[in-house]
N, C-alpha and C. Protein backbone atom coordinates (compact mmCIF):
# COMPACT_ATOMS: atom_id res chain seq x y z
N MET A 1 5.53 4.15 -10.83
CA MET A 1 5.57 5.17 -9.82
C MET A 1 4.52 4.88 -8.73
N ASN A 2 3.36 4.41 -9.15
CA ASN A 2 2.32 4.13 -8.16
C ASN A 2 2.72 3.00 -7.24
N ILE A 3 3.37 1.99 -7.79
CA ILE A 3 3.73 0.83 -6.97
C ILE A 3 4.80 1.21 -5.95
N GLU A 4 5.73 2.10 -6.33
CA GLU A 4 6.73 2.56 -5.37
C GLU A 4 6.09 3.38 -4.26
N LYS A 5 5.14 4.21 -4.63
CA LYS A 5 4.43 5.03 -3.63
C LYS A 5 3.65 4.14 -2.68
N PHE A 6 2.96 3.14 -3.25
CA PHE A 6 2.17 2.22 -2.43
C PHE A 6 3.06 1.41 -1.50
N SER A 7 4.17 0.88 -2.03
CA SER A 7 5.05 0.04 -1.20
C SER A 7 5.74 0.87 -0.12
N SER A 8 6.12 2.10 -0.42
CA SER A 8 6.75 2.92 0.61
C SER A 8 5.73 3.30 1.70
N THR A 9 4.48 3.51 1.32
CA THR A 9 3.44 3.77 2.31
C THR A 9 3.21 2.55 3.18
N LEU A 10 3.24 1.37 2.56
CA LEU A 10 3.06 0.13 3.30
C LEU A 10 4.21 -0.12 4.27
N VAL A 11 5.42 0.19 3.84
CA VAL A 11 6.58 0.01 4.72
C VAL A 11 6.52 0.99 5.89
N ARG A 12 6.14 2.24 5.61
CA ARG A 12 6.07 3.24 6.67
C ARG A 12 4.94 2.98 7.67
N SER A 13 3.95 2.17 7.27
CA SER A 13 2.84 1.91 8.18
C SER A 13 3.24 0.97 9.32
N ASN A 14 4.35 0.26 9.19
CA ASN A 14 4.88 -0.64 10.23
C ASN A 14 3.91 -1.75 10.60
N ILE A 15 3.03 -2.13 9.70
CA ILE A 15 2.08 -3.19 10.02
C ILE A 15 2.79 -4.53 10.14
N THR A 16 3.86 -4.74 9.37
CA THR A 16 4.59 -6.01 9.48
C THR A 16 5.32 -6.09 10.81
N ASN A 17 5.85 -4.97 11.28
CA ASN A 17 6.53 -4.97 12.58
C ASN A 17 5.54 -5.22 13.71
N THR A 18 4.35 -4.68 13.57
CA THR A 18 3.31 -4.93 14.58
C THR A 18 2.92 -6.40 14.59
N TYR A 19 2.83 -6.99 13.42
CA TYR A 19 2.50 -8.41 13.31
C TYR A 19 3.58 -9.27 13.96
N VAL A 20 4.84 -8.97 13.68
CA VAL A 20 5.95 -9.75 14.25
C VAL A 20 6.01 -9.54 15.77
N ALA A 21 5.81 -8.33 16.23
CA ALA A 21 5.84 -8.08 17.67
C ALA A 21 4.70 -8.80 18.39
N THR A 22 3.53 -8.82 17.78
CA THR A 22 2.40 -9.54 18.37
C THR A 22 2.69 -11.04 18.44
N ALA A 23 3.26 -11.58 17.37
CA ALA A 23 3.61 -13.00 17.36
C ALA A 23 4.69 -13.31 18.39
N PHE A 24 5.65 -12.41 18.54
CA PHE A 24 6.71 -12.60 19.53
C PHE A 24 6.13 -12.67 20.94
N PHE A 25 5.27 -11.70 21.26
CA PHE A 25 4.71 -11.69 22.62
C PHE A 25 3.74 -12.85 22.84
N ALA A 26 3.03 -13.27 21.80
CA ALA A 26 2.15 -14.43 21.94
C ALA A 26 2.97 -15.69 22.20
N THR A 27 4.08 -15.83 21.50
CA THR A 27 4.96 -16.98 21.73
C THR A 27 5.57 -16.92 23.12
N LEU A 28 5.98 -15.74 23.53
CA LEU A 28 6.55 -15.57 24.86
C LEU A 28 5.54 -15.92 25.95
N ILE A 29 4.31 -15.49 25.78
CA ILE A 29 3.26 -15.83 26.74
C ILE A 29 3.00 -17.33 26.75
N TYR A 30 2.99 -17.94 25.56
CA TYR A 30 2.78 -19.39 25.49
C TYR A 30 3.86 -20.13 26.27
N PHE A 31 5.11 -19.77 26.02
CA PHE A 31 6.20 -20.45 26.71
C PHE A 31 6.21 -20.14 28.21
N THR A 32 5.78 -18.97 28.59
CA THR A 32 5.72 -18.63 30.01
C THR A 32 4.64 -19.45 30.72
N ILE A 33 3.50 -19.58 30.08
CA ILE A 33 2.42 -20.37 30.68
C ILE A 33 2.82 -21.84 30.78
N ASN A 34 3.48 -22.36 29.75
CA ASN A 34 3.87 -23.77 29.72
C ASN A 34 5.35 -23.96 30.09
N SER A 35 5.84 -23.16 31.00
CA SER A 35 7.27 -23.22 31.34
C SER A 35 7.65 -24.52 32.05
N ASN A 36 6.71 -25.19 32.66
CA ASN A 36 7.05 -26.46 33.31
C ASN A 36 7.26 -27.58 32.31
N LEU A 37 6.86 -27.39 31.04
CA LEU A 37 7.06 -28.41 30.01
C LEU A 37 8.36 -28.24 29.24
N TYR A 38 8.95 -27.04 29.28
CA TYR A 38 10.13 -26.74 28.46
C TYR A 38 11.30 -26.30 29.34
N THR A 39 12.51 -26.60 28.85
CA THR A 39 13.72 -26.11 29.52
C THR A 39 13.96 -24.67 29.08
N PRO A 40 14.77 -23.93 29.83
CA PRO A 40 15.04 -22.54 29.42
C PRO A 40 15.67 -22.44 28.02
N LEU A 41 16.53 -23.39 27.67
CA LEU A 41 17.16 -23.36 26.35
C LEU A 41 16.11 -23.61 25.25
N GLU A 42 15.18 -24.51 25.48
CA GLU A 42 14.10 -24.76 24.52
C GLU A 42 13.21 -23.53 24.38
N ILE A 43 12.96 -22.87 25.49
CA ILE A 43 12.15 -21.65 25.44
C ILE A 43 12.86 -20.58 24.62
N LEU A 44 14.14 -20.41 24.85
CA LEU A 44 14.92 -19.42 24.12
C LEU A 44 14.91 -19.71 22.63
N PHE A 45 15.24 -20.96 22.26
CA PHE A 45 15.24 -21.32 20.84
C PHE A 45 13.84 -21.22 20.24
N GLY A 46 12.82 -21.60 21.01
CA GLY A 46 11.45 -21.51 20.51
C GLY A 46 11.03 -20.09 20.21
N VAL A 47 11.36 -19.19 21.11
CA VAL A 47 10.99 -17.79 20.91
C VAL A 47 11.76 -17.19 19.73
N VAL A 48 13.05 -17.45 19.66
CA VAL A 48 13.86 -16.89 18.56
C VAL A 48 13.43 -17.46 17.22
N LEU A 49 13.26 -18.78 17.13
CA LEU A 49 12.90 -19.39 15.85
C LEU A 49 11.49 -19.02 15.42
N SER A 50 10.57 -18.93 16.38
CA SER A 50 9.21 -18.53 15.99
C SER A 50 9.19 -17.07 15.54
N THR A 51 10.00 -16.22 16.15
CA THR A 51 10.06 -14.82 15.71
C THR A 51 10.63 -14.72 14.31
N ILE A 52 11.68 -15.49 14.02
CA ILE A 52 12.24 -15.51 12.66
C ILE A 52 11.21 -16.04 11.67
N PHE A 53 10.49 -17.09 12.06
CA PHE A 53 9.46 -17.65 11.20
C PHE A 53 8.37 -16.63 10.90
N PHE A 54 7.88 -15.93 11.91
CA PHE A 54 6.83 -14.94 11.70
C PHE A 54 7.33 -13.73 10.92
N LYS A 55 8.60 -13.40 11.07
CA LYS A 55 9.17 -12.31 10.26
C LYS A 55 9.19 -12.72 8.79
N GLY A 56 9.53 -13.98 8.53
CA GLY A 56 9.50 -14.48 7.15
C GLY A 56 8.10 -14.48 6.58
N ILE A 57 7.13 -14.90 7.38
CA ILE A 57 5.72 -14.88 6.94
C ILE A 57 5.27 -13.44 6.66
N ALA A 58 5.70 -12.50 7.50
CA ALA A 58 5.33 -11.10 7.30
C ALA A 58 5.92 -10.57 6.00
N ASN A 59 7.17 -10.93 5.71
CA ASN A 59 7.79 -10.49 4.45
C ASN A 59 7.10 -11.11 3.25
N ILE A 60 6.69 -12.38 3.36
CA ILE A 60 5.97 -13.02 2.26
C ILE A 60 4.62 -12.33 2.04
N MET A 61 3.91 -12.02 3.12
CA MET A 61 2.64 -11.31 2.99
C MET A 61 2.84 -9.93 2.37
N PHE A 62 3.89 -9.25 2.77
CA PHE A 62 4.19 -7.93 2.24
C PHE A 62 4.46 -8.00 0.74
N SER A 63 5.26 -9.00 0.33
CA SER A 63 5.56 -9.11 -1.11
C SER A 63 4.33 -9.51 -1.90
N LEU A 64 3.47 -10.36 -1.33
CA LEU A 64 2.24 -10.73 -2.03
C LEU A 64 1.30 -9.55 -2.18
N VAL A 65 1.22 -8.70 -1.18
CA VAL A 65 0.37 -7.51 -1.29
C VAL A 65 0.88 -6.61 -2.41
N ILE A 66 2.18 -6.47 -2.52
CA ILE A 66 2.75 -5.62 -3.57
C ILE A 66 2.56 -6.26 -4.94
N ILE A 67 2.76 -7.58 -5.03
CA ILE A 67 2.61 -8.26 -6.31
C ILE A 67 1.16 -8.24 -6.78
N LEU A 68 0.23 -8.45 -5.87
CA LEU A 68 -1.18 -8.54 -6.24
C LEU A 68 -1.87 -7.18 -6.29
N PHE A 69 -1.13 -6.11 -6.05
CA PHE A 69 -1.70 -4.77 -6.11
C PHE A 69 -2.11 -4.48 -7.54
N ASN A 70 -3.37 -4.10 -7.75
CA ASN A 70 -3.90 -3.90 -9.09
C ASN A 70 -3.71 -2.44 -9.49
N LEU A 71 -2.99 -2.23 -10.58
CA LEU A 71 -2.75 -0.88 -11.06
C LEU A 71 -3.78 -0.44 -12.10
N LYS A 72 -4.71 -1.31 -12.47
CA LYS A 72 -5.68 -0.99 -13.52
C LYS A 72 -6.54 0.21 -13.12
N ASN A 73 -6.95 0.29 -11.86
CA ASN A 73 -7.77 1.41 -11.42
C ASN A 73 -7.01 2.72 -11.51
N GLN A 74 -5.74 2.71 -11.13
CA GLN A 74 -4.94 3.94 -11.20
C GLN A 74 -4.71 4.36 -12.65
N GLU A 75 -4.50 3.39 -13.54
CA GLU A 75 -4.31 3.72 -14.95
C GLU A 75 -5.58 4.33 -15.53
N ASP A 76 -6.74 3.75 -15.19
CA ASP A 76 -8.00 4.30 -15.67
C ASP A 76 -8.23 5.71 -15.13
N GLU A 77 -7.88 5.92 -13.88
CA GLU A 77 -8.06 7.24 -13.28
C GLU A 77 -7.15 8.28 -13.95
N LEU A 78 -5.91 7.89 -14.23
CA LEU A 78 -5.00 8.81 -14.92
C LEU A 78 -5.47 9.11 -16.34
N ALA A 79 -5.96 8.10 -17.04
CA ALA A 79 -6.47 8.31 -18.40
C ALA A 79 -7.69 9.22 -18.37
N PHE A 80 -8.58 9.02 -17.39
CA PHE A 80 -9.76 9.87 -17.27
C PHE A 80 -9.36 11.31 -16.98
N ASP A 81 -8.40 11.51 -16.09
CA ASP A 81 -7.94 12.87 -15.77
C ASP A 81 -7.34 13.55 -17.00
N LYS A 82 -6.56 12.78 -17.76
CA LYS A 82 -5.94 13.34 -18.96
C LYS A 82 -7.00 13.74 -19.98
N LEU A 83 -7.97 12.86 -20.19
CA LEU A 83 -9.03 13.16 -21.15
C LEU A 83 -9.92 14.31 -20.67
N SER A 84 -10.19 14.37 -19.38
CA SER A 84 -11.05 15.45 -18.88
C SER A 84 -10.35 16.81 -19.02
N THR A 85 -9.05 16.87 -18.78
CA THR A 85 -8.34 18.15 -18.98
C THR A 85 -8.30 18.52 -20.46
N LYS A 86 -8.18 17.52 -21.33
CA LYS A 86 -8.18 17.79 -22.77
C LYS A 86 -9.54 18.32 -23.21
N VAL A 87 -10.63 17.70 -22.72
CA VAL A 87 -11.98 18.15 -23.06
C VAL A 87 -12.22 19.55 -22.49
N ASP A 88 -11.78 19.82 -21.28
CA ASP A 88 -11.93 21.16 -20.70
C ASP A 88 -11.19 22.20 -21.53
N GLY A 89 -10.00 21.85 -21.99
CA GLY A 89 -9.25 22.78 -22.84
C GLY A 89 -9.94 23.04 -24.15
N LEU A 90 -10.48 21.99 -24.77
CA LEU A 90 -11.21 22.17 -26.03
C LEU A 90 -12.48 23.00 -25.83
N LEU A 91 -13.19 22.79 -24.72
CA LEU A 91 -14.39 23.58 -24.44
C LEU A 91 -14.06 25.06 -24.21
N SER A 92 -12.96 25.31 -23.53
CA SER A 92 -12.57 26.72 -23.31
C SER A 92 -12.15 27.36 -24.63
N ASP A 93 -11.47 26.62 -25.50
CA ASP A 93 -11.12 27.15 -26.82
C ASP A 93 -12.37 27.45 -27.64
N LEU A 94 -13.35 26.54 -27.57
CA LEU A 94 -14.60 26.73 -28.29
C LEU A 94 -15.35 27.96 -27.78
N SER A 95 -15.38 28.14 -26.48
CA SER A 95 -16.08 29.31 -25.94
C SER A 95 -15.35 30.60 -26.31
N LEU A 96 -14.03 30.56 -26.38
CA LEU A 96 -13.28 31.75 -26.82
C LEU A 96 -13.58 32.07 -28.27
N GLN A 97 -13.62 31.04 -29.10
CA GLN A 97 -13.92 31.27 -30.52
C GLN A 97 -15.33 31.80 -30.71
N GLU A 98 -16.28 31.26 -29.94
CA GLU A 98 -17.66 31.75 -30.04
C GLU A 98 -17.76 33.20 -29.59
N SER A 99 -17.05 33.55 -28.54
CA SER A 99 -17.10 34.94 -28.07
C SER A 99 -16.45 35.87 -29.08
N LYS A 100 -15.40 35.40 -29.75
CA LYS A 100 -14.76 36.23 -30.79
C LYS A 100 -15.71 36.43 -31.97
N LEU A 101 -16.42 35.35 -32.35
CA LEU A 101 -17.37 35.47 -33.46
C LEU A 101 -18.52 36.41 -33.10
N LYS A 102 -18.98 36.35 -31.86
CA LYS A 102 -20.08 37.23 -31.44
C LYS A 102 -19.64 38.68 -31.45
N THR A 103 -18.41 38.95 -31.00
CA THR A 103 -17.95 40.33 -31.01
C THR A 103 -17.71 40.81 -32.43
N LEU A 104 -17.27 39.94 -33.34
CA LEU A 104 -17.09 40.36 -34.74
C LEU A 104 -18.43 40.59 -35.40
N ASN A 105 -19.41 39.75 -35.11
CA ASN A 105 -20.74 39.90 -35.72
C ASN A 105 -21.47 41.12 -35.17
N SER A 106 -21.25 41.46 -33.93
CA SER A 106 -21.95 42.61 -33.35
C SER A 106 -21.36 43.93 -33.84
N ASN A 107 -20.09 43.91 -34.30
CA ASN A 107 -19.46 45.15 -34.78
C ASN A 107 -19.81 45.33 -36.19
């Protein structure tokens, strides 16, 4: 459940789209500055292929972030929360029993 929540948050952040858009505009600027070295067809293919390449790199980075995401901290936090609620419940039961004993002893 944690990994789905994390991956959906990562997808909604649009960081991969920002990365691809930045790479697209950087490639476009490169080809615009060096337009006297390339034909228009080479520029077109260069921009399209580099955008596809950077989209692939973004997807690989996205999958690596999901694969390398460590769930150990979340598991420890959930176990701690479970144990703390159990201890709180036992302490409240103990205080109730003590109060019952005090009221029985005082009567």
